[in-house]
Amino acid sequence: MGAMKRLIASLKPLYAKAAELWRPIWKRLKRHKLAVAGGAFFLFLIFLAVFAPLIAPHGPYTSEIEHAFEGPTLSHPLGTDEIGRDVLSRIIFGTRLSLAVGVISVALALVIGVSLGAVAGFFGGRVDNLIMRAMDILLAFPAMLLAIAIMVVLGPGLEKAMVAIGIVTIPGYARIVRGSVLSVKENEYIEAARAGGLPNWVIIWRHVLLNIMAPIIVRSTLGVSEAILDAAALGFLGLGAQAPKAEWGLMLSRGKAYLYSSPHLVYFPGIMITLTVLSLNLFGDGLRDALDPRLKV
């Protein structure tokens, strides 16, 4: 019990420092009404993903063939698909897959891209040239075409789509981090850390990366929306999630064959993709403005 109290006491200064740092950022973010609305909608999506089994009125794979192609009704508010599965339930459960794709793809790109960008910017010279020329080669290809090429090699599947999307977005993170590191590494506190004999990896982690978190956070927020959109595109092409998974892009792909007879099979998944990407873009734009050091007084 005493050890727990000491631990809590030791964390109080860190909490106070973090609160002092983020309070003005939150104050500026609140002024962006659209950003707050986007963040609120994204929190709503997280709520849907976590409590999907409790919220969905039906199972996502429960088939009632006698109700196939049924329009919106009280029992099926968004209608049913070609084999009688509830569209609303599949969209709710699809939130889990879409958010998982966005978060995992961005996490993969972050780990590799931030590491490569930090090393290239900090050490410079041949290391910088080697890493950034490799990134330029990846950037020479359109992102979606490169993702499709990777999927052809790896084969279809949602997990492989996460890897493909993560790979094609690595150069963006590497270039942002490299540029930020170049602007930070010549500061006096970096020179002081070097003079103090700290290892390079400690300087990079403790003194460089922690001072360039703002652009990384903003890019990651926008990257989640891009990853969700790319995953939906791969699913639409049949390279992402495979049937019978409840994934928005796959639902669009299967519903396009019935666009004129049962348009609700396309409309509702498309609306969810649009709202999700829009909400994250709005939140990312507001967060970028809130974290902009030029706005600090």
Protein backbone atom coordinates (compact mmCIF):
# COMPACT_ATOMS: atom_id res chain seq x y z
CA MET A 1 0.00 0.00 0.00
CA GLY A 2 2.86 2.35 0.84
CA ALA A 3 4.59 1.57 -2.47
CA MET A 4 1.39 2.40 -4.35
CA LYS A 5 1.11 5.76 -2.57
CA ARG A 6 4.73 6.57 -3.41
CA LEU A 7 4.11 5.65 -7.04
CA ILE A 8 1.03 7.90 -7.21
CA ALA A 9 2.96 10.72 -5.54
CA SER A 10 5.79 10.37 -8.06
CA LEU A 11 3.34 10.53 -10.98
CA LYS A 12 1.64 13.72 -9.79
CA PRO A 13 4.37 16.08 -11.09
CA LEU A 14 4.29 14.33 -14.48
CA TYR A 15 0.50 14.66 -14.62
CA ALA A 16 0.69 18.33 -13.67
CA LYS A 17 3.33 18.98 -16.34
CA ALA A 18 1.31 17.15 -19.00
CA ALA A 19 -1.85 19.04 -18.01
CA GLU A 20 0.02 22.34 -18.22
CA LEU A 21 1.31 21.42 -21.68
CA TRP A 22 -1.99 20.22 -23.14
CA ARG A 23 -4.32 22.79 -21.57
CA PRO A 24 -3.57 25.58 -24.09
CA ILE A 25 -3.67 23.05 -26.95
CA TRP A 26 -7.14 21.89 -25.86
CA LYS A 27 -8.25 25.49 -25.51
CA ARG A 28 -7.23 26.25 -29.10
CA LEU A 29 -8.72 22.99 -30.36
CA LYS A 30 -12.11 23.83 -28.82
CA ARG A 31 -12.30 26.92 -31.01
CA HIS A 32 -12.44 24.67 -34.10
CA LYS A 33 -16.05 23.54 -33.97
CA LEU A 34 -15.71 21.26 -37.00
CA ALA A 35 -12.64 19.60 -35.46
CA VAL A 36 -14.53 18.97 -32.23
CA ALA A 37 -17.45 17.53 -34.22
CA GLY A 38 -15.06 15.28 -36.13
CA GLY A 39 -13.42 14.09 -32.94
CA ALA A 40 -16.82 13.43 -31.35
CA PHE A 41 -17.91 11.34 -34.34
CA PHE A 42 -14.67 9.35 -34.19
CA LEU A 43 -15.26 8.67 -30.48
CA PHE A 44 -18.74 7.49 -31.45
CA LEU A 45 -17.17 5.06 -33.94
CA ILE A 46 -14.88 3.73 -31.21
CA PHE A 47 -17.94 3.25 -29.00
CA LEU A 48 -19.66 1.30 -31.80
CA ALA A 49 -16.58 -0.86 -32.32
CA VAL A 50 -16.17 -1.71 -28.64
CA PHE A 51 -19.83 -2.43 -27.91
CA ALA A 52 -20.85 -3.81 -31.32
CA PRO A 53 -22.25 -7.11 -29.93
CA LEU A 54 -24.51 -5.16 -27.55
CA ILE A 55 -25.62 -2.49 -30.04
CA ALA A 56 -26.18 -4.49 -33.24
CA PRO A 57 -29.80 -5.72 -33.47
CA HIS A 58 -28.75 -8.90 -35.31
CA GLY A 59 -25.65 -10.97 -35.85
CA PRO A 60 -23.47 -9.76 -38.73
CA TYR A 61 -23.51 -13.20 -40.35
CA THR A 62 -27.06 -14.22 -39.47
CA SER A 63 -28.85 -14.99 -42.74
CA GLU A 64 -32.62 -14.80 -43.23
CA ILE A 65 -32.95 -15.72 -46.88
CA GLU A 66 -36.70 -15.07 -46.85
CA HIS A 67 -35.93 -11.38 -46.14
CA ALA A 68 -33.28 -10.98 -48.85
CA PHE A 69 -33.10 -7.54 -50.56
CA GLU A 70 -35.55 -6.12 -48.06
CA GLY A 71 -35.60 -2.33 -47.79
CA PRO A 72 -35.45 -0.44 -44.50
CA THR A 73 -38.04 -1.68 -42.00
CA LEU A 74 -38.52 -1.59 -38.25
CA SER A 75 -36.80 -4.95 -37.79
CA HIS A 76 -34.05 -4.08 -40.29
CA PRO A 77 -33.58 -0.26 -40.15
CA LEU A 78 -31.10 -0.22 -43.06
CA GLY A 79 -32.53 -3.20 -44.94
CA THR A 80 -30.97 -6.57 -45.72
CA ASP A 81 -28.44 -7.80 -48.28
CA GLU A 82 -28.63 -10.47 -50.98
CA ILE A 83 -28.80 -13.36 -48.48
CA GLY A 84 -30.92 -11.64 -45.83
CA ARG A 85 -28.20 -10.33 -43.48
CA ASP A 86 -28.98 -7.15 -41.57
CA VAL A 87 -27.09 -4.22 -43.16
CA LEU A 88 -27.08 -2.12 -39.98
CA SER A 89 -25.51 -4.92 -37.95
CA ARG A 90 -22.86 -5.52 -40.61
CA ILE A 91 -22.01 -1.80 -40.73
CA ILE A 92 -21.67 -1.68 -36.93
CA PHE A 93 -19.38 -4.70 -36.88
CA GLY A 94 -17.55 -3.32 -39.92
CA THR A 95 -16.52 -0.38 -37.75
CA ARG A 96 -14.21 -2.75 -35.87
CA LEU A 97 -12.44 -3.85 -39.04
CA SER A 98 -12.12 -0.34 -40.48
CA LEU A 99 -10.68 1.14 -37.28
CA ALA A 100 -8.35 -1.84 -36.86
CA VAL A 101 -7.04 -1.36 -40.40
CA GLY A 102 -6.48 2.35 -39.81
CA VAL A 103 -4.73 1.98 -36.46
CA ILE A 104 -2.57 -1.05 -37.31
CA SER A 105 -1.50 0.31 -40.72
CA VAL A 106 -0.54 3.66 -39.21
CA ALA A 107 1.27 1.96 -36.32
CA LEU A 108 3.34 -0.08 -38.79
CA ALA A 109 4.16 2.98 -40.88
CA LEU A 110 4.96 5.01 -37.75
CA VAL A 111 7.44 2.53 -36.29
CA ILE A 112 9.38 2.12 -39.53
CA GLY A 113 8.92 5.61 -41.00
CA VAL A 114 9.75 7.52 -37.81
CA SER A 115 12.82 5.36 -37.20
CA LEU A 116 14.14 5.79 -40.75
CA GLY A 117 13.38 9.53 -40.82
CA ALA A 118 15.01 10.13 -37.43
CA VAL A 119 18.17 8.21 -38.37
CA ALA A 120 18.42 9.93 -41.77
CA GLY A 121 17.94 13.41 -40.36
CA PHE A 122 20.18 12.98 -37.32
CA PHE A 123 23.19 11.33 -38.95
CA GLY A 124 22.95 12.85 -42.45
CA GLY A 125 25.57 12.11 -45.08
CA ARG A 126 25.53 8.73 -46.79
CA VAL A 127 23.01 7.31 -44.33
CA ASP A 128 20.61 10.12 -45.19
CA ASN A 129 21.13 9.69 -48.93
CA LEU A 130 20.64 5.92 -48.80
CA ILE A 131 17.44 6.06 -46.74
CA MET A 132 15.83 8.98 -48.55
CA ARG A 133 16.63 7.66 -52.03
CA ALA A 134 14.88 4.42 -51.04
CA MET A 135 11.91 6.50 -49.88
CA ASP A 136 11.95 8.41 -53.18
CA ILE A 137 11.75 5.13 -55.09
CA LEU A 138 8.62 4.17 -53.14
CA LEU A 139 7.14 7.65 -53.68
CA ALA A 140 7.70 7.34 -57.43
CA PHE A 141 4.83 4.85 -57.60
CA PRO A 142 1.19 5.91 -57.02
CA ALA A 143 0.29 4.67 -53.54
CA MET A 144 -2.76 2.66 -54.57
CA LEU A 145 -0.99 0.99 -57.49
CA LEU A 146 1.91 0.06 -55.22
CA ALA A 147 -0.51 -1.32 -52.62
CA ILE A 148 -2.23 -3.40 -55.32
CA ALA A 149 1.15 -4.72 -56.50
CA ILE A 150 2.05 -5.72 -52.93
CA MET A 151 -1.33 -7.41 -52.53
CA VAL A 152 -0.72 -9.38 -55.73
CA VAL A 153 2.48 -10.71 -54.19
CA LEU A 154 1.08 -11.33 -50.70
CA GLY A 155 -2.38 -12.49 -51.79
CA PRO A 156 -5.82 -11.16 -50.78
CA GLY A 157 -6.80 -10.72 -47.15
CA LEU A 158 -7.46 -8.00 -44.61
CA GLU A 159 -4.28 -8.64 -42.62
CA LYS A 160 -2.17 -8.44 -45.78
CA ALA A 161 -3.99 -5.25 -46.77
CA MET A 162 -2.87 -3.70 -43.47
CA VAL A 163 0.75 -4.57 -44.31
CA ALA A 164 0.44 -3.21 -47.86
CA ILE A 165 -1.12 0.08 -46.72
CA GLY A 166 1.49 0.43 -44.00
CA ILE A 167 4.36 -0.07 -46.46
CA VAL A 168 3.13 2.48 -49.02
CA THR A 169 2.68 5.15 -46.32
CA ILE A 170 6.15 4.75 -44.75
CA PRO A 171 7.83 7.37 -47.00
CA GLY A 172 5.41 10.10 -45.93
CA TYR A 173 6.25 9.64 -42.25
CA ALA A 174 9.98 9.32 -42.96
CA ARG A 175 10.11 12.60 -44.90
CA ILE A 176 8.13 14.53 -42.28
CA VAL A 177 10.28 13.24 -39.42
CA ARG A 178 13.53 13.86 -41.33
CA GLY A 179 12.58 17.47 -42.02
CA SER A 180 11.64 18.05 -38.40
CA VAL A 181 14.83 16.43 -37.12
CA LEU A 182 16.95 18.64 -39.40
CA SER A 183 15.35 21.73 -37.87
CA VAL A 184 15.84 20.51 -34.29
CA LYS A 185 19.21 18.74 -34.17
CA GLU A 186 21.28 21.95 -34.33
CA ASN A 187 19.65 23.46 -31.24
CA GLU A 188 21.76 24.17 -28.20
CA TYR A 189 20.16 21.53 -25.99
CA ILE A 190 21.14 18.85 -28.53
CA GLU A 191 24.73 20.12 -28.48
CA ALA A 192 24.63 20.06 -24.68
CA ALA A 193 23.41 16.45 -24.71
CA ARG A 194 26.24 15.49 -27.04
CA ALA A 195 28.78 17.28 -24.86
CA GLY A 196 27.39 15.39 -21.88
CA GLY A 197 28.37 12.10 -23.54
CA LEU A 198 24.85 10.74 -24.06
CA PRO A 199 24.56 7.96 -26.67
CA ASN A 200 23.07 8.94 -30.01
CA TRP A 201 20.00 6.74 -29.56
CA VAL A 202 19.24 8.44 -26.22
CA ILE A 203 19.57 11.88 -27.80
CA ILE A 204 17.30 10.87 -30.69
CA TRP A 205 14.61 9.42 -28.42
CA ARG A 206 14.72 11.78 -25.45
CA HIS A 207 15.68 15.11 -26.99
CA VAL A 208 14.80 14.94 -30.70
CA LEU A 209 11.66 12.85 -31.15
CA LEU A 210 9.93 14.22 -28.06
CA ASN A 211 10.34 17.73 -29.48
CA ILE A 212 8.84 16.92 -32.89
CA MET A 213 5.75 15.03 -31.74
CA ALA A 214 3.30 17.65 -33.03
CA PRO A 215 3.74 16.93 -36.78
CA ILE A 216 3.89 13.19 -36.09
CA ILE A 217 0.59 13.27 -34.17
CA VAL A 218 -1.15 15.31 -36.86
CA ARG A 219 0.17 13.11 -39.68
CA SER A 220 -0.92 9.98 -37.82
CA THR A 221 -4.45 11.31 -37.37
CA LEU A 222 -4.78 12.06 -41.07
CA GLY A 223 -3.07 8.77 -41.88
CA VAL A 224 -5.80 6.77 -40.14
CA SER A 225 -8.43 8.26 -42.47
CA GLU A 226 -6.26 7.55 -45.52
CA ALA A 227 -5.71 3.96 -44.40
CA ILE A 228 -9.45 3.40 -43.90
CA LEU A 229 -10.14 4.77 -47.38
CA ASP A 230 -7.37 2.65 -48.94
CA ALA A 231 -8.63 -0.47 -47.17
CA ALA A 232 -12.14 0.21 -48.49
CA ALA A 233 -10.72 0.61 -52.01
CA LEU A 234 -8.80 -2.68 -51.76
CA GLY A 235 -11.91 -4.38 -50.39
CA PHE A 236 -13.94 -2.98 -53.27
CA LEU A 237 -11.40 -4.47 -55.71
CA GLY A 238 -11.61 -7.84 -53.97
CA LEU A 239 -8.05 -7.67 -52.60
CA GLY A 240 -8.85 -6.67 -49.02
CA ALA A 241 -11.33 -8.34 -46.69
CA GLN A 242 -12.83 -11.51 -48.06
CA ALA A 243 -16.41 -12.73 -47.75
CA PRO A 244 -18.24 -13.16 -45.46
CA LYS A 245 -16.44 -10.52 -43.36
CA ALA A 246 -18.45 -7.39 -42.59
CA GLU A 247 -16.14 -4.73 -44.07
CA TRP A 248 -17.40 -1.53 -45.64
CA GLY A 249 -15.37 -1.77 -48.86
CA LEU A 250 -16.38 -5.38 -49.38
CA MET A 251 -20.04 -4.46 -48.74
CA LEU A 252 -19.75 -1.79 -51.44
CA SER A 253 -18.18 -4.27 -53.85
CA ARG A 254 -20.91 -6.86 -53.37
CA GLY A 255 -23.69 -4.27 -53.39
CA LYS A 256 -22.71 -2.60 -56.68
CA ALA A 257 -24.27 -5.49 -58.62
CA TYR A 258 -27.66 -4.53 -57.12
CA LEU A 259 -27.27 -0.76 -57.34
CA TYR A 260 -30.49 -0.17 -59.28
CA SER A 261 -32.70 -2.78 -57.58
CA SER A 262 -31.41 -2.40 -53.98
CA PRO A 263 -29.43 0.87 -53.73
CA HIS A 264 -29.36 0.71 -49.91
CA LEU A 265 -26.65 -1.97 -50.19
CA VAL A 266 -24.32 0.71 -51.58
CA TYR A 267 -25.58 3.92 -50.01
CA PHE A 268 -25.15 3.11 -46.32
CA PRO A 269 -21.61 1.63 -46.41
CA GLY A 270 -20.57 4.51 -48.67
CA ILE A 271 -22.02 7.06 -46.27
CA MET A 272 -20.15 5.50 -43.34
CA ILE A 273 -16.83 5.58 -45.23
CA THR A 274 -17.44 9.21 -46.20
CA LEU A 275 -18.36 10.34 -42.70
CA THR A 276 -15.45 8.49 -41.09
CA VAL A 277 -12.84 9.92 -43.45
CA LEU A 278 -14.39 13.41 -43.23
CA SER A 279 -14.47 13.37 -39.42
CA LEU A 280 -10.82 12.33 -39.14
CA ASN A 281 -9.72 14.93 -41.70
CA LEU A 282 -11.59 17.68 -39.85
CA PHE A 283 -10.13 16.61 -36.52
CA GLY A 284 -6.65 16.37 -38.01
CA ASP A 285 -6.89 19.87 -39.48
CA GLY A 286 -8.01 21.32 -36.17
CA LEU A 287 -5.31 19.44 -34.27
CA ARG A 288 -2.68 20.75 -36.69
CA ASP A 289 -3.75 24.33 -35.99
CA ALA A 290 -3.89 23.72 -32.24
CA LEU A 291 -0.38 22.24 -32.18
CA ASP A 292 1.11 24.92 -34.46
CA PRO A 293 3.77 26.65 -32.34
CA ARG A 294 3.29 29.85 -34.33
CA LEU A 295 -0.11 30.22 -32.70
CA LYS A 296 1.36 30.18 -29.18
CA VAL A 297 1.35 33.49 -27.32
